Each structure stands twice: as C-alpha cells, then as structure tokens.
Protein backbone atom coordinates (compact mmCIF):
# COMPACT_ATOMS: atom_id res chain seq x y z
CA MET A 1 -3.18 22.84 -0.12
CA LYS A 2 -0.04 20.74 -0.09
CA ILE A 3 0.64 18.14 2.56
CA THR A 4 4.18 16.80 2.63
CA ASN A 5 5.88 13.86 4.29
CA ARG A 6 9.01 15.56 5.60
CA LYS A 7 10.45 12.33 6.98
CA ALA A 8 10.44 10.71 3.54
CA PHE A 9 13.52 12.58 2.33
CA PHE A 10 15.32 12.00 5.64
CA GLU A 11 14.59 8.26 5.84
CA TYR A 12 14.89 7.45 2.10
CA GLU A 13 16.97 8.38 -0.90
CA ILE A 14 14.24 9.03 -3.50
CA LEU A 15 15.24 7.69 -6.92
CA GLU A 16 12.06 8.19 -8.94
CA THR A 17 8.65 9.81 -8.39
CA PHE A 18 5.17 9.08 -9.70
CA GLU A 19 1.88 10.98 -9.56
CA ALA A 20 -1.14 8.92 -8.53
CA GLY A 21 -4.78 9.69 -8.00
CA ILE A 22 -6.41 8.59 -4.77
CA ASN A 23 -9.82 7.06 -4.13
CA LEU A 24 -11.50 9.11 -1.37
CA TYR A 25 -14.98 9.58 0.07
CA GLY A 26 -16.65 12.98 -0.40
CA HIS A 27 -16.10 14.16 3.16
CA GLU A 28 -12.44 13.06 2.97
CA VAL A 29 -11.95 15.27 -0.08
CA LYS A 30 -13.35 18.27 1.79
CA SER A 31 -11.11 17.55 4.77
CA ALA A 32 -8.00 17.08 2.59
CA ARG A 33 -8.70 20.35 0.77
CA LEU A 34 -8.66 22.08 4.15
CA GLY A 35 -5.24 20.52 4.81
CA LYS A 36 -6.43 18.16 7.55
CA ALA A 37 -4.30 15.20 6.51
CA ASP A 38 -1.00 13.68 7.57
CA LEU A 39 1.37 11.40 5.63
CA ALA A 40 3.83 10.80 8.48
CA GLY A 41 4.30 7.08 9.08
CA SER A 42 2.40 6.09 5.96
CA PHE A 43 3.61 3.80 3.21
CA VAL A 44 2.52 2.36 -0.12
CA ARG A 45 1.87 -1.34 -0.63
CA ILE A 46 1.20 -3.31 -3.82
CA LEU A 47 -1.30 -6.16 -3.43
CA GLY A 48 -1.96 -8.16 -6.56
CA SER A 49 -2.47 -5.70 -9.39
CA GLU A 50 -3.59 -2.82 -7.16
CA ILE A 51 -1.66 -0.25 -5.15
CA TYR A 52 -2.73 1.08 -1.74
CA LEU A 53 -1.84 3.93 0.60
CA VAL A 54 -1.63 2.60 4.16
CA ASN A 55 -1.70 4.56 7.46
CA ALA A 56 -2.23 7.99 5.89
CA LYS A 57 -4.47 10.00 8.17
CA ILE A 58 -7.26 12.19 6.80
CA TRP A 59 -9.23 13.57 9.71
CA GLU A 60 -12.99 13.72 9.84
CA TYR A 61 -14.68 16.69 8.19
CA GLN A 62 -16.24 18.50 11.14
CA PRO A 63 -19.68 19.45 9.72
CA GLY A 64 -20.10 15.86 8.48
CA GLN A 65 -19.77 13.85 11.74
CA ILE A 66 -19.71 10.35 10.22
CA GLU A 67 -20.17 7.52 12.73
CA GLY A 68 -17.45 4.87 12.85
CA TYR A 69 -15.11 6.77 10.55
CA ASP A 70 -11.51 5.47 10.53
CA GLU A 71 -9.08 8.27 9.59
CA GLY A 72 -6.19 5.85 9.01
CA ARG A 73 -8.00 3.47 6.66
CA THR A 74 -6.27 1.95 3.65
CA ARG A 75 -6.99 3.91 0.46
CA LYS A 76 -6.58 2.78 -3.12
CA LEU A 77 -4.19 4.71 -5.35
CA LEU A 78 -4.94 5.10 -9.04
CA LEU A 79 -2.11 4.37 -11.48
CA HIS A 80 -1.94 2.82 -14.92
CA LYS A 81 -1.55 -0.94 -14.94
CA LYS A 82 1.84 -0.70 -16.70
CA GLN A 83 3.11 1.65 -13.98
CA ILE A 84 1.96 -0.73 -11.23
CA ILE A 85 3.65 -3.70 -12.91
CA SER A 86 6.84 -1.66 -13.33
CA LEU A 87 6.82 -0.58 -9.67
CA LYS A 88 6.12 -4.12 -8.51
CA SER A 89 9.09 -5.51 -10.45
CA LYS A 90 11.38 -2.76 -9.14
CA THR A 91 10.44 -3.27 -5.49
CA GLU A 92 10.47 -7.08 -5.50
CA GLY A 93 13.99 -7.56 -6.85
CA SER A 94 15.82 -5.04 -4.71
CA ASN A 95 15.62 -3.28 -1.38
CA LEU A 96 13.53 -0.39 -2.71
CA SER A 97 10.37 0.92 -1.05
CA LEU A 98 7.39 2.99 -2.14
CA VAL A 99 6.90 6.09 0.01
CA PRO A 100 4.22 8.80 -0.22
CA ILE A 101 5.99 12.14 -0.55
CA SER A 102 3.15 14.65 -0.81
CA MET A 103 -0.58 15.10 -1.31
CA TYR A 104 -1.78 18.08 -3.34
CA LEU A 105 -4.62 19.48 -5.42
CA LYS A 106 -4.28 19.49 -9.22
CA ASN A 107 -7.09 20.62 -11.53
CA GLY A 108 -9.68 19.92 -8.85
CA PHE A 109 -8.39 16.40 -8.13
CA ILE A 110 -6.35 15.28 -5.14
CA LYS A 111 -3.10 13.63 -6.17
CA VAL A 112 -0.44 11.75 -4.21
CA GLU A 113 3.21 11.90 -5.18
CA VAL A 114 4.76 8.48 -4.62
CA GLY A 115 8.52 8.03 -4.50
CA LEU A 116 10.56 4.94 -5.20
CA GLY A 117 13.30 5.11 -2.60
CA ARG A 118 16.15 3.24 -0.99
CA GLY A 119 16.33 3.33 2.79
CA LYS A 120 19.24 5.33 4.18
CA LYS A 121 21.68 3.87 6.66
CA LYS A 122 22.24 5.51 10.03
CA TYR A 123 25.58 7.04 9.00
CA GLU A 124 23.98 8.54 5.88
CA LYS A 125 21.35 10.24 8.05
CA ARG A 126 24.06 11.65 10.32
CA GLN A 127 25.92 12.99 7.27
CA ALA A 128 22.72 14.65 6.02
CA ILE A 129 22.20 16.35 9.40
CA LYS A 130 25.82 17.52 9.47
CA LYS A 131 25.61 18.87 5.92
CA ARG A 132 22.36 20.69 6.70
CA ASP A 133 23.85 22.26 9.84
CA LEU A 134 26.95 23.43 7.95
CA GLN A 135 24.76 24.94 5.22
CA ARG A 136 22.65 26.75 7.83
CA ASP A 137 25.76 28.15 9.54
CA LEU A 138 27.14 29.34 6.21
CA GLU A 139 23.87 31.11 5.35
CA ARG A 140 23.87 32.86 8.73
CA GLU A 141 27.38 34.17 8.18
CA LEU A 142 26.62 35.43 4.68
CA GLY A 143 23.16 36.83 5.37
C-alpha cells in the first residue's frame, strides 16, 4: 500500500523530506491499508507546536459504517518537537511550503512523507512538461 501525491512534484520543487507518523482512528487505518485514501489537494499546516495534515481524504471503511464520518478531517502528524521547530522556522522566513508526498505502511504503522518545497512558477512547469515529453519520445525511438 503506497498512496502518492503525484501533483506534489509537478507543483513544487521538493528540497527536503521528512517521515511522520499520523494519528488515525481504527477504521481509518483499515481503510488506508486497503489503499482507500487520496492526498491530492492536501497540505500540511503548523499550528503552535503541532503539525497537521489538512484535506487528505481517507474514505470510510465499508464494514464499519460510522455515522457522521468526515473523510477530509484534519489529522495530527507525529514528529519530534525539534523537527517541528525546525520546519516552522524554515517555512516562516521564506516562501517554502510543507506538502504531503506519500502515505505508506512501515513496520505495521502508517507513515506520511512530508516534503519541504518551493512552489514552481508557470514557466518552470512548462519546462518540466517539455522535458518529460522529449524524454518519452527518446525512449520510444530507442525501445
């Protein structure tokens, strides 16, 4: 089970990555293990001395049927206090953002890979598309 945020690498230039635990309910863990989650459009926010994952969708576990369940609720990420302070100082001073890159299973625990990234300009995105298309054309010719 690995859920990735494909837009993250297109929208941002990722400078540094961190691995964080995530605080989930039991039925959310079961649903995430089945791959029923989506990180598209989600972001990471630091409030005080805590860090949160906002707008990540983990759909309801079907056998559970919990009433009033909100799949896009804000979830707490688990990092060391020194890491949170470091990330907070890096994001406040410059135009850097925290972006969830992927969600995966590691030793029975669900982890979220968080990237510290700088937003790309429109011309940088066009260059990335052009480079990708050229690479694809070259691979077709060779293979």
